[in-house]
Protein backbone atom coordinates (compact mmCIF):
# COMPACT_ATOMS: atom_id res chain seq x y z
CA UNK A 1 10.22 23.34 30.60
CA UNK A 2 8.64 20.50 28.65
CA UNK A 3 5.91 21.88 26.37
CA UNK A 4 3.11 19.36 25.98
CA UNK A 5 0.65 20.82 23.49
CA UNK A 6 -1.99 18.22 24.38
CA UNK A 7 -2.34 19.92 27.76
CA UNK A 8 -3.50 23.08 26.03
CA UNK A 9 -6.57 21.21 24.79
CA UNK A 10 -7.32 20.04 28.34
CA UNK A 11 -6.98 23.57 29.70
CA UNK A 12 -9.16 25.08 26.95
CA UNK A 13 -11.88 22.52 27.69
CA UNK A 14 -11.74 23.34 31.41
CA UNK A 15 -11.96 27.08 30.75
CA UNK A 16 -14.86 26.72 28.33
CA UNK A 17 -16.85 24.09 30.21
CA UNK A 18 -16.43 25.61 33.65
CA UNK A 19 -15.85 22.38 35.59
CA UNK A 20 -13.50 19.44 35.60
CA UNK A 21 -16.47 17.10 35.24
CA UNK A 22 -17.83 18.84 32.14
CA UNK A 23 -14.36 19.07 30.60
CA UNK A 24 -13.83 15.34 31.19
CA UNK A 25 -17.15 14.55 29.51
CA UNK A 26 -16.26 16.73 26.51
CA UNK A 27 -12.86 15.10 26.12
CA UNK A 28 -14.19 11.61 26.89
CA UNK A 29 -11.63 10.95 29.60
CA UNK A 30 -11.83 10.60 33.37
CA UNK A 31 -11.91 13.55 35.77
CA UNK A 32 -8.65 12.32 37.25
CA UNK A 33 -6.92 12.62 33.87
CA UNK A 34 -8.17 16.18 33.38
CA UNK A 35 -7.10 17.22 36.88
CA UNK A 36 -3.67 15.65 36.39
CA UNK A 37 -3.12 17.38 33.05
CA UNK A 38 -4.09 20.74 34.53
CA UNK A 39 -1.68 20.24 37.41
CA UNK A 40 1.15 19.26 35.04
CA UNK A 41 0.45 22.28 32.83
CA UNK A 42 0.62 24.63 35.81
CA UNK A 43 3.84 22.94 36.92
CA UNK A 44 5.30 23.40 33.43
CA UNK A 45 4.38 27.09 33.42
CA UNK A 46 5.25 27.75 37.03
CA UNK A 47 1.99 29.64 37.37
CA UNK A 48 -1.51 29.12 38.73
CA UNK A 49 -4.13 29.15 36.00
CA UNK A 50 -7.22 28.14 37.97
CA UNK A 51 -8.47 29.06 41.45
CA UNK A 52 -10.30 26.04 42.85
CA UNK A 53 -12.79 25.61 45.67
CA UNK A 54 -15.24 22.88 46.61
CA UNK A 55 -17.98 24.00 44.19
CA UNK A 56 -16.46 25.86 41.29
CA UNK A 57 -13.29 27.45 39.98
CA UNK A 58 -12.27 30.64 38.25
CA UNK A 59 -9.43 31.47 35.92
CA UNK A 60 -6.71 33.63 37.35
CA UNK A 61 -5.59 36.72 35.49
CA UNK A 62 -2.72 34.66 34.12
CA UNK A 63 -5.19 31.92 33.25
CA UNK A 64 -7.40 34.36 31.33
CA UNK A 65 -4.56 35.63 29.16
CA UNK A 66 -3.16 32.13 28.71
CA UNK A 67 -6.60 30.86 27.67
CA UNK A 68 -6.76 33.27 24.72
CA UNK A 69 -3.38 32.11 23.43
CA UNK A 70 -4.13 28.44 24.12
CA UNK A 71 -7.52 28.62 22.38
CA UNK A 72 -5.89 30.08 19.26
CA UNK A 73 -3.17 27.42 19.30
CA UNK A 74 -5.70 24.59 19.65
CA UNK A 75 -7.81 26.04 16.82
CA UNK A 76 -4.75 26.27 14.57
CA UNK A 77 -3.83 22.70 15.38
CA UNK A 78 -7.35 21.55 14.48
CA UNK A 79 -7.13 23.46 11.21
CA UNK A 80 -3.80 21.79 10.45
CA UNK A 81 -5.25 18.34 11.05
CA UNK A 82 -8.29 19.20 8.95
CA UNK A 83 -6.06 20.39 6.12
CA UNK A 84 -4.10 17.13 6.11
CA UNK A 85 -7.25 15.01 6.31
CA UNK A 86 -8.83 16.99 3.50
CA UNK A 87 -5.71 16.49 1.39
CA UNK A 88 -5.91 12.80 2.18
CA UNK A 89 -9.46 12.62 0.82
CA UNK A 90 -9.48 15.24 -1.96
CA UNK A 91 -6.68 15.73 -4.50
CA UNK A 92 -4.90 19.04 -3.95
CA UNK A 93 -1.40 20.47 -3.92
CA UNK A 94 1.14 19.06 -6.38
CA UNK A 95 1.39 15.60 -7.94
CA UNK A 96 4.71 14.67 -9.57
CA UNK A 97 4.54 11.89 -12.17
CA UNK A 98 7.16 10.38 -14.46
CA UNK A 99 6.83 7.81 -17.25
CA UNK A 100 8.82 6.47 -20.23
CA UNK A 101 8.49 8.81 -23.19
CA UNK A 102 6.37 6.72 -25.58
CA UNK A 103 4.12 5.31 -22.89
CA UNK A 104 3.78 8.76 -21.42
CA UNK A 105 2.84 10.42 -24.70
CA UNK A 106 0.38 7.70 -25.64
CA UNK A 107 -1.29 7.05 -22.30
CA UNK A 108 -0.11 9.08 -19.31
CA UNK A 109 -0.29 12.60 -20.76
CA UNK A 110 -3.90 12.21 -22.01
CA UNK A 111 -4.87 10.80 -18.60
CA UNK A 112 -3.19 13.75 -16.87
CA UNK A 113 -5.18 16.16 -19.03
CA UNK A 114 -8.48 14.45 -18.22
CA UNK A 115 -7.70 14.16 -14.50
CA UNK A 116 -6.66 17.80 -14.18
CA UNK A 117 -10.03 18.92 -15.56
CA UNK A 118 -11.80 16.91 -12.86
CA UNK A 119 -9.53 18.24 -10.08
CA UNK A 120 -8.61 21.86 -10.93
CA UNK A 121 -7.13 22.47 -7.46
CA UNK A 122 -4.39 19.95 -8.22
CA UNK A 123 -1.11 20.87 -9.95
CA UNK A 124 0.42 18.00 -11.93
CA UNK A 125 4.11 17.97 -12.86
CA UNK A 126 4.65 15.40 -15.63
CA UNK A 127 8.14 14.31 -16.68
CA UNK A 128 8.50 12.01 -19.69
CA UNK A 129 11.90 10.38 -19.92
CA UNK A 130 13.38 6.96 -20.56
CA UNK A 131 15.64 7.56 -17.56
CA UNK A 132 14.52 5.36 -14.68
CA UNK A 133 14.31 7.93 -11.92
CA UNK A 134 14.28 6.75 -8.33
CA UNK A 135 10.99 8.24 -7.07
CA UNK A 136 12.47 8.96 -3.64
CA UNK A 137 15.62 10.71 -4.84
CA UNK A 138 13.83 12.59 -7.64
CA UNK A 139 10.78 13.32 -5.45
CA UNK A 140 8.20 11.73 -7.72
CA UNK A 141 4.87 10.55 -6.30
CA UNK A 142 4.33 8.04 -9.13
CA UNK A 143 6.88 6.53 -11.51
CA UNK A 144 5.44 4.37 -14.28
CA UNK A 145 7.63 1.48 -15.40
CA UNK A 146 7.30 -0.46 -18.66
CA UNK A 147 9.35 -3.62 -18.90
CA UNK A 148 11.05 -5.24 -15.95
CA UNK A 149 11.24 -3.87 -12.42
CA UNK A 150 14.57 -3.41 -10.73
CA UNK A 151 15.06 -4.52 -7.12
CA UNK A 152 14.46 -1.62 -4.74
CA UNK A 153 12.78 -0.64 -1.50
CA UNK A 154 10.06 1.19 -3.42
CA UNK A 155 6.48 -0.06 -3.60
CA UNK A 156 5.16 -1.27 -6.96
CA UNK A 157 1.63 -1.95 -8.16
CA UNK A 158 1.20 -3.95 -11.37
CA UNK A 159 -1.15 -2.51 -13.95
CA UNK A 160 -0.92 -5.29 -16.49
CA UNK A 161 1.43 -7.65 -18.22
CA UNK A 162 2.37 -7.33 -21.85
CA UNK A 163 3.82 -9.55 -24.52
CA UNK A 164 6.40 -8.71 -27.14
CA UNK A 165 5.44 -9.41 -30.73
CA UNK A 166 7.42 -9.28 -33.95
CA UNK A 167 5.65 -7.09 -36.49
CA UNK A 168 6.11 -5.74 -39.98
CA UNK A 169 4.18 -3.73 -42.54
CA UNK A 170 2.27 -5.75 -45.19
CA UNK A 171 4.70 -4.41 -47.81
CA UNK A 172 7.56 -6.33 -46.13
CA UNK A 173 5.59 -9.57 -46.34
CA UNK A 174 4.78 -8.86 -49.98
CA UNK A 175 8.44 -8.19 -50.78
CA UNK A 176 10.06 -11.02 -48.79
CA UNK A 177 7.24 -13.47 -48.17
CA UNK A 178 5.76 -14.51 -44.83
CA UNK A 179 8.58 -16.03 -42.73
CA UNK A 180 7.96 -19.64 -41.72
CA UNK A 181 11.00 -20.14 -39.47
CA UNK A 182 13.28 -18.09 -37.28
CA UNK A 183 15.96 -18.38 -39.93
CA UNK A 184 13.53 -16.84 -42.42
CA UNK A 185 12.94 -14.01 -39.95
CA UNK A 186 16.68 -13.40 -39.59
CA UNK A 187 16.91 -12.68 -43.32
CA UNK A 188 14.47 -9.77 -43.13
CA UNK A 189 15.64 -6.18 -42.48
CA UNK A 190 15.64 -5.66 -38.71
CA UNK A 191 14.90 -2.34 -36.98
CA UNK A 192 16.87 -2.07 -33.75
CA UNK A 193 15.51 -0.25 -30.69
CA UNK A 194 18.35 1.25 -28.65
CA UNK A 195 15.92 1.96 -25.80
CA UNK A 196 16.17 -1.75 -24.93
CA UNK A 197 19.03 -3.20 -22.89
CA UNK A 198 19.93 -5.76 -25.57
CA UNK A 199 18.40 -4.20 -28.68
CA UNK A 200 19.59 -6.72 -31.27
CA UNK A 201 19.38 -9.89 -29.16
CA UNK A 202 16.09 -11.76 -28.86
CA UNK A 203 15.21 -14.99 -27.08
CA UNK A 204 12.40 -16.98 -28.71
CA UNK A 205 10.48 -19.81 -27.03
CA UNK A 206 8.44 -22.29 -29.06
CA UNK A 207 5.25 -24.02 -27.93
CA UNK A 208 7.27 -26.95 -26.56
CA UNK A 209 9.27 -24.65 -24.29
CA UNK A 210 12.47 -24.78 -26.30
CA UNK A 211 14.39 -21.50 -26.47
CA UNK A 212 16.66 -20.02 -29.09
CA UNK A 213 18.80 -16.91 -28.72
CA UNK A 214 19.23 -14.89 -31.89
CA UNK A 215 21.31 -11.83 -32.73
CA UNK A 216 20.03 -9.65 -35.56
CA UNK A 217 22.02 -7.31 -37.77
CA UNK A 218 20.03 -4.08 -37.90
CA UNK A 219 19.43 -2.17 -41.09
CA UNK A 220 18.05 0.80 -39.15
CA UNK A 221 18.58 1.79 -35.51
CA UNK A 222 16.24 4.04 -33.53
CA UNK A 223 16.66 5.44 -30.04
CA UNK A 224 12.97 5.33 -29.06
CA UNK A 225 10.23 2.76 -29.40
CA UNK A 226 8.02 5.26 -31.23
CA UNK A 227 10.77 5.96 -33.77
CA UNK A 228 11.21 2.23 -34.41
CA UNK A 229 7.46 1.78 -34.77
CA UNK A 230 7.28 4.59 -37.33
CA UNK A 231 10.04 2.99 -39.41
CA UNK A 232 8.29 -0.39 -39.25
CA UNK A 233 4.93 1.10 -40.30
CA UNK A 234 6.67 2.80 -43.23
CA UNK A 235 7.87 -0.60 -44.46
CA UNK A 236 11.46 -0.30 -43.29
CA UNK A 237 11.68 -3.74 -41.72
CA UNK A 238 10.63 -5.91 -38.78
CA UNK A 239 10.92 -5.24 -35.06
CA UNK A 240 9.84 -6.58 -31.71
CA UNK A 241 7.26 -4.34 -30.05
CA UNK A 242 5.12 -4.34 -26.88
CA UNK A 243 1.72 -5.68 -27.85
CA UNK A 244 -0.19 -2.75 -26.31
CA UNK A 245 1.59 -0.34 -28.66
CA UNK A 246 0.61 -2.18 -31.83
CA UNK A 247 -2.83 -3.60 -31.00
CA UNK A 248 -4.62 -0.94 -33.08
CA UNK A 249 -2.20 -1.26 -36.01
CA UNK A 250 -2.66 -5.04 -36.02
CA UNK A 251 -6.43 -4.61 -35.83
CA UNK A 252 -6.66 -2.25 -38.81
CA UNK A 253 -4.14 -4.15 -40.94
CA UNK A 254 -1.43 -1.49 -40.82
CA UNK A 255 0.89 -4.15 -39.35
CA UNK A 256 1.00 -7.94 -39.36
CA UNK A 257 2.39 -10.22 -36.68
CA UNK A 258 5.18 -12.57 -37.70
CA UNK A 259 5.76 -16.05 -36.26
CA UNK A 260 3.13 -15.82 -33.49
CA UNK A 261 3.93 -19.41 -32.51
CA UNK A 262 7.19 -18.17 -30.98
CA UNK A 263 7.04 -16.19 -27.73
CA UNK A 264 9.39 -13.45 -26.57
CA UNK A 265 9.93 -12.56 -22.88
CA UNK A 266 6.92 -10.77 -21.43
CA UNK A 267 7.06 -7.68 -19.24
CA UNK A 268 4.87 -5.62 -16.95
CA UNK A 269 3.50 -2.12 -16.74
CA UNK A 270 3.64 -0.94 -13.14
CA UNK A 271 3.25 2.14 -11.02
CA UNK A 272 6.11 2.58 -8.55
CA UNK A 273 5.74 4.67 -5.39
CA UNK A 274 8.10 5.82 -2.63
CA UNK A 275 7.98 3.39 0.33
CA UNK A 276 5.77 5.58 2.53
CA UNK A 277 2.98 4.21 4.75
CA UNK A 278 0.47 6.77 3.46
CA UNK A 279 -0.12 8.10 -0.04
CA UNK A 280 -1.79 11.40 -0.80
CA UNK A 281 -5.31 11.55 -2.17
CA UNK A 282 -3.87 12.83 -5.45
CA UNK A 283 -1.56 9.82 -5.75
CA UNK A 284 -4.28 7.31 -4.89
CA UNK A 285 -6.98 8.90 -7.04
CA UNK A 286 -4.79 9.39 -10.11
CA UNK A 287 -3.46 5.84 -9.89
CA UNK A 288 -7.00 4.42 -9.84
CA UNK A 289 -8.10 6.82 -12.57
CA UNK A 290 -5.20 5.86 -14.82
CA UNK A 291 -5.54 2.12 -14.23
CA UNK A 292 -9.26 2.14 -15.08
CA UNK A 293 -8.72 4.34 -18.14
CA UNK A 294 -5.85 2.23 -19.49
CA UNK A 295 -7.71 -1.05 -19.02
CA UNK A 296 -10.80 0.34 -20.73
CA UNK A 297 -8.67 1.48 -23.68
CA UNK A 298 -7.15 -1.99 -23.97
CA UNK A 299 -10.59 -3.65 -23.81
CA UNK A 300 -11.89 -1.43 -26.60
CA UNK A 301 -8.82 -2.13 -28.74
CA UNK A 302 -9.15 -5.89 -28.27
CA UNK A 303 -12.88 -5.77 -29.02
CA UNK A 304 -12.09 -3.93 -32.23
CA UNK A 305 -9.46 -6.51 -33.13
CA UNK A 306 -11.97 -9.32 -32.63
């Protein structure tokens, strides 16, 4: 037997409306379609559900008992569709998010806290790690990336670009002088960030487009960007940092930018999603919430700097 659950809806409509014509009007299909589906359902069951005559029809005893079961099944199916549609429109269930540690602590975790207060029915699982999890294999709904995206079948949405800047505490400038050339910069104590792929190698580009690769000898090595930033703020040396992480420190004078006429490779901040055709309401809403919040924070920081 081939169970076609759609035929249950046709049969329920017939039983409740009393005629093929009324059932067809309710379902917005032709009478021929309704009659055909009823016939196929009876063939599938090997039983007569409806006694027909020229003016009206009645349910058989089998039809009466089958109607009760069919009506419950159709109602459950409608509830299931409603549940999915509701989840598509209102955040609920579980949302799994991952982000690099420093970016997560500074931006994602506070956004998660704010979003969870707005949507208490939603459970958020936040993982902060510098490991680049594949969102499909690790079952994450959103994976934030800071830097450069790897090739994959996943879907990415760019939040913003960022520049790298070389920074130091004012005490370093007082002790060594403001560097005027890249060679001057190379003589300053360098703080290496092991979280980067090539932590001691930097490529500088001047305003005429000429590039120069430089390898620095670190005086201190840190394994996270936040650790490196703390050493730099304490006057331990110079380091290259993402601009969004130092915008406030540059604004309040805690740090100074060195050799701004030379550019380092820029990167992006992106949200990466599994390659599914539909995203849950929680995924869509949190992504929009985070993007708006982050951009507003950056606008306020830049306004304060100006």
